[in-house]
Amino acid sequence: PISERAPSGEVDVDVGQSDELRVRHFHAKERATNGMTFRWTRDESYVSIVGTAVDVRQLTLWMGDGGRPSAAGAAEADVYLDGAWLGHATAGSGIQPYRFAIPPELARKAGSEDAPTLRLSTHTWNPSKVIGGGDDRELGVMIDRIELR
């Protein structure tokens, strides 16, 4: 849901909480030992951005590589808002903020009645194939929070 912290027109999604109506093509919710909730992306994952103001100028993704081994390659993500490329990031260890500028013309479109779609295109890895074990999911990056301000 939209966080109580977010002023009207700003979006703050705690991924892994009650986000079922917003996210598509993510893996199931998980909770870290420290209580943080998150989801892993797949090769292409989507988030419906509802309630955005026309003057938002920044998207922040709180994400990490989830301890991805070097043999799996870098945890790379391309970020799109309503089909427009916002940028590229390589997630590091731990959950960190990655910020992307939202051009004014795209913010105006995002602030319309139609909910824009955030698309995350990520380089995935399969733990079973890389390190062994029973986890055969294709994992992209860990997403903890999505903010538009």
Protein backbone atom coordinates (compact mmCIF):
# COMPACT_ATOMS: atom_id res chain seq x y z
CA PRO A 1 0.00 0.00 0.00
CA ILE A 2 0.96 3.64 -0.15
CA SER A 3 2.91 4.42 2.98
CA GLU A 4 1.54 6.77 5.62
CA ARG A 5 4.81 8.74 5.20
CA ALA A 6 4.14 9.68 1.59
CA PRO A 7 2.50 13.08 1.09
CA SER A 8 -0.39 13.18 -1.36
CA GLY A 9 0.82 12.64 -4.92
CA GLU A 10 4.02 10.91 -3.83
CA VAL A 11 4.25 7.14 -3.93
CA ASP A 12 6.01 4.96 -1.36
CA VAL A 13 5.52 1.21 -1.87
CA ASP A 14 6.90 -1.20 0.71
CA VAL A 15 7.52 -4.18 -1.56
CA GLY A 16 6.75 -7.49 0.10
CA GLN A 17 3.97 -6.07 2.28
CA SER A 18 0.38 -5.71 0.97
CA ASP A 19 1.55 -5.10 -2.61
CA GLU A 20 -0.40 -7.79 -4.49
CA LEU A 21 -2.52 -5.30 -6.45
CA ARG A 22 0.57 -3.40 -7.62
CA VAL A 23 3.20 -5.98 -8.59
CA ARG A 24 3.28 -8.48 -11.47
CA HIS A 25 5.83 -11.06 -12.47
CA PHE A 26 7.81 -10.89 -9.21
CA HIS A 27 8.67 -13.86 -7.03
CA ALA A 28 6.71 -14.42 -3.79
CA LYS A 29 7.09 -12.15 -0.77
CA GLU A 30 10.01 -12.84 1.55
CA ARG A 31 11.11 -11.58 4.94
CA ALA A 32 14.78 -11.21 5.88
CA THR A 33 16.05 -12.15 9.33
CA ASN A 34 16.05 -8.44 10.26
CA GLY A 35 12.31 -8.21 9.44
CA MET A 36 12.72 -6.39 6.11
CA THR A 37 10.20 -7.49 3.47
CA PHE A 38 11.16 -7.77 -0.18
CA ARG A 39 10.57 -9.58 -3.45
CA TRP A 40 12.97 -10.84 -6.08
CA THR A 41 12.42 -9.62 -9.62
CA ARG A 42 12.31 -11.95 -12.59
CA ASP A 43 13.75 -11.10 -16.01
CA GLU A 44 10.89 -8.62 -16.52
CA SER A 45 8.88 -7.40 -13.52
CA TYR A 46 6.18 -4.73 -13.35
CA VAL A 47 4.70 -2.34 -10.78
CA SER A 48 1.51 -0.29 -11.24
CA ILE A 49 2.13 3.23 -9.98
CA VAL A 50 -1.16 4.60 -8.69
CA GLY A 51 -1.75 8.07 -7.26
CA THR A 52 1.27 9.90 -8.66
CA ALA A 53 1.33 13.69 -8.84
CA VAL A 54 2.25 15.50 -12.07
CA ASP A 55 5.26 17.11 -10.39
CA VAL A 56 7.17 14.00 -9.26
CA ARG A 57 10.75 14.20 -10.44
CA GLN A 58 12.55 11.24 -8.93
CA LEU A 59 12.11 7.49 -8.73
CA THR A 60 14.08 5.70 -6.01
CA LEU A 61 14.42 1.91 -5.99
CA TRP A 62 15.71 0.39 -2.77
CA MET A 63 17.37 -2.76 -4.08
CA GLY A 64 20.30 -5.11 -3.68
CA ASP A 65 21.96 -8.12 -5.26
CA GLY A 66 20.92 -10.47 -2.45
CA GLY A 67 24.41 -11.94 -2.05
CA ARG A 68 24.68 -12.95 -5.69
CA PRO A 69 27.98 -14.81 -6.25
CA SER A 70 30.42 -13.37 -8.79
CA ALA A 71 29.94 -16.48 -10.97
CA ALA A 72 26.34 -15.33 -11.57
CA GLY A 73 27.40 -12.03 -13.11
CA ALA A 74 26.39 -8.55 -12.03
CA ALA A 75 22.90 -7.72 -10.72
CA GLU A 76 22.02 -5.33 -13.52
CA ALA A 77 18.67 -3.60 -13.96
CA ASP A 78 17.20 -1.34 -16.64
CA VAL A 79 14.35 0.85 -15.41
CA TYR A 80 11.41 2.04 -17.54
CA LEU A 81 8.39 4.14 -16.63
CA ASP A 82 5.49 3.80 -19.04
CA GLY A 83 7.89 2.52 -21.69
CA ALA A 84 10.41 5.38 -21.34
CA TRP A 85 13.90 4.29 -20.26
CA LEU A 86 14.94 6.05 -17.04
CA GLY A 87 18.34 4.45 -16.64
CA HIS A 88 20.50 1.50 -15.70
CA ALA A 89 21.87 0.39 -12.33
CA THR A 90 24.05 -2.40 -11.03
CA ALA A 91 22.80 -3.41 -7.58
CA GLY A 92 25.44 -3.98 -4.95
CA SER A 93 25.41 -5.85 -1.67
CA GLY A 94 22.90 -4.81 0.93
CA ILE A 95 19.80 -2.77 0.16
CA GLN A 96 20.72 0.67 -1.18
CA PRO A 97 18.84 3.51 -2.89
CA TYR A 98 19.21 3.88 -6.65
CA ARG A 99 17.76 7.14 -7.99
CA PHE A 100 16.43 7.92 -11.45
CA ALA A 101 15.29 11.29 -12.76
CA ILE A 102 11.75 11.52 -14.14
CA PRO A 103 11.50 14.04 -17.01
CA PRO A 104 8.67 16.61 -16.60
CA GLU A 105 6.76 15.39 -19.67
CA LEU A 106 6.80 11.82 -18.33
CA ALA A 107 5.73 13.01 -14.85
CA ARG A 108 2.71 14.76 -16.38
CA LYS A 109 1.75 11.53 -18.14
CA ALA A 110 2.34 9.52 -14.93
CA GLY A 111 0.06 11.90 -13.02
CA SER A 112 -2.90 11.18 -15.31
CA GLU A 113 -5.85 8.98 -14.33
CA ASP A 114 -4.24 5.94 -15.96
CA ALA A 115 -1.74 4.23 -13.67
CA PRO A 116 1.68 4.21 -15.31
CA THR A 117 3.71 1.01 -15.27
CA LEU A 118 7.20 0.69 -13.88
CA ARG A 119 9.13 -2.06 -15.67
CA LEU A 120 12.32 -3.58 -14.32
CA SER A 121 14.35 -5.57 -16.81
CA THR A 122 17.06 -7.51 -14.96
CA HIS A 123 19.90 -9.92 -15.59
CA THR A 124 18.83 -13.09 -13.76
CA TRP A 125 20.69 -16.02 -12.29
CA ASN A 126 19.64 -19.49 -11.14
CA PRO A 127 21.04 -20.45 -7.69
CA SER A 128 20.65 -24.18 -8.35
CA LYS A 129 22.75 -23.98 -11.52
CA VAL A 130 25.40 -21.60 -10.11
CA ILE A 131 25.92 -22.83 -6.53
CA GLY A 132 23.84 -26.01 -6.30
CA GLY A 133 20.92 -26.75 -4.03
CA GLY A 134 17.20 -26.79 -4.62
CA ASP A 135 16.44 -23.14 -5.46
CA ASP A 136 15.81 -23.22 -9.21
CA ARG A 137 14.22 -19.76 -9.50
CA GLU A 138 15.54 -17.22 -11.97
CA LEU A 139 16.42 -14.29 -9.67
CA GLY A 140 17.05 -10.70 -10.72
CA VAL A 141 17.45 -8.15 -7.92
CA MET A 142 15.91 -7.82 -4.45
CA ILE A 143 13.44 -4.92 -4.25
CA ASP A 144 12.51 -3.55 -0.82
CA ARG A 145 10.88 -0.19 -1.56
CA ILE A 146 9.82 2.01 -4.48
CA GLU A 147 9.42 5.76 -4.04
CA LEU A 148 8.33 8.50 -6.42
CA ARG A 149 8.84 12.05 -5.15
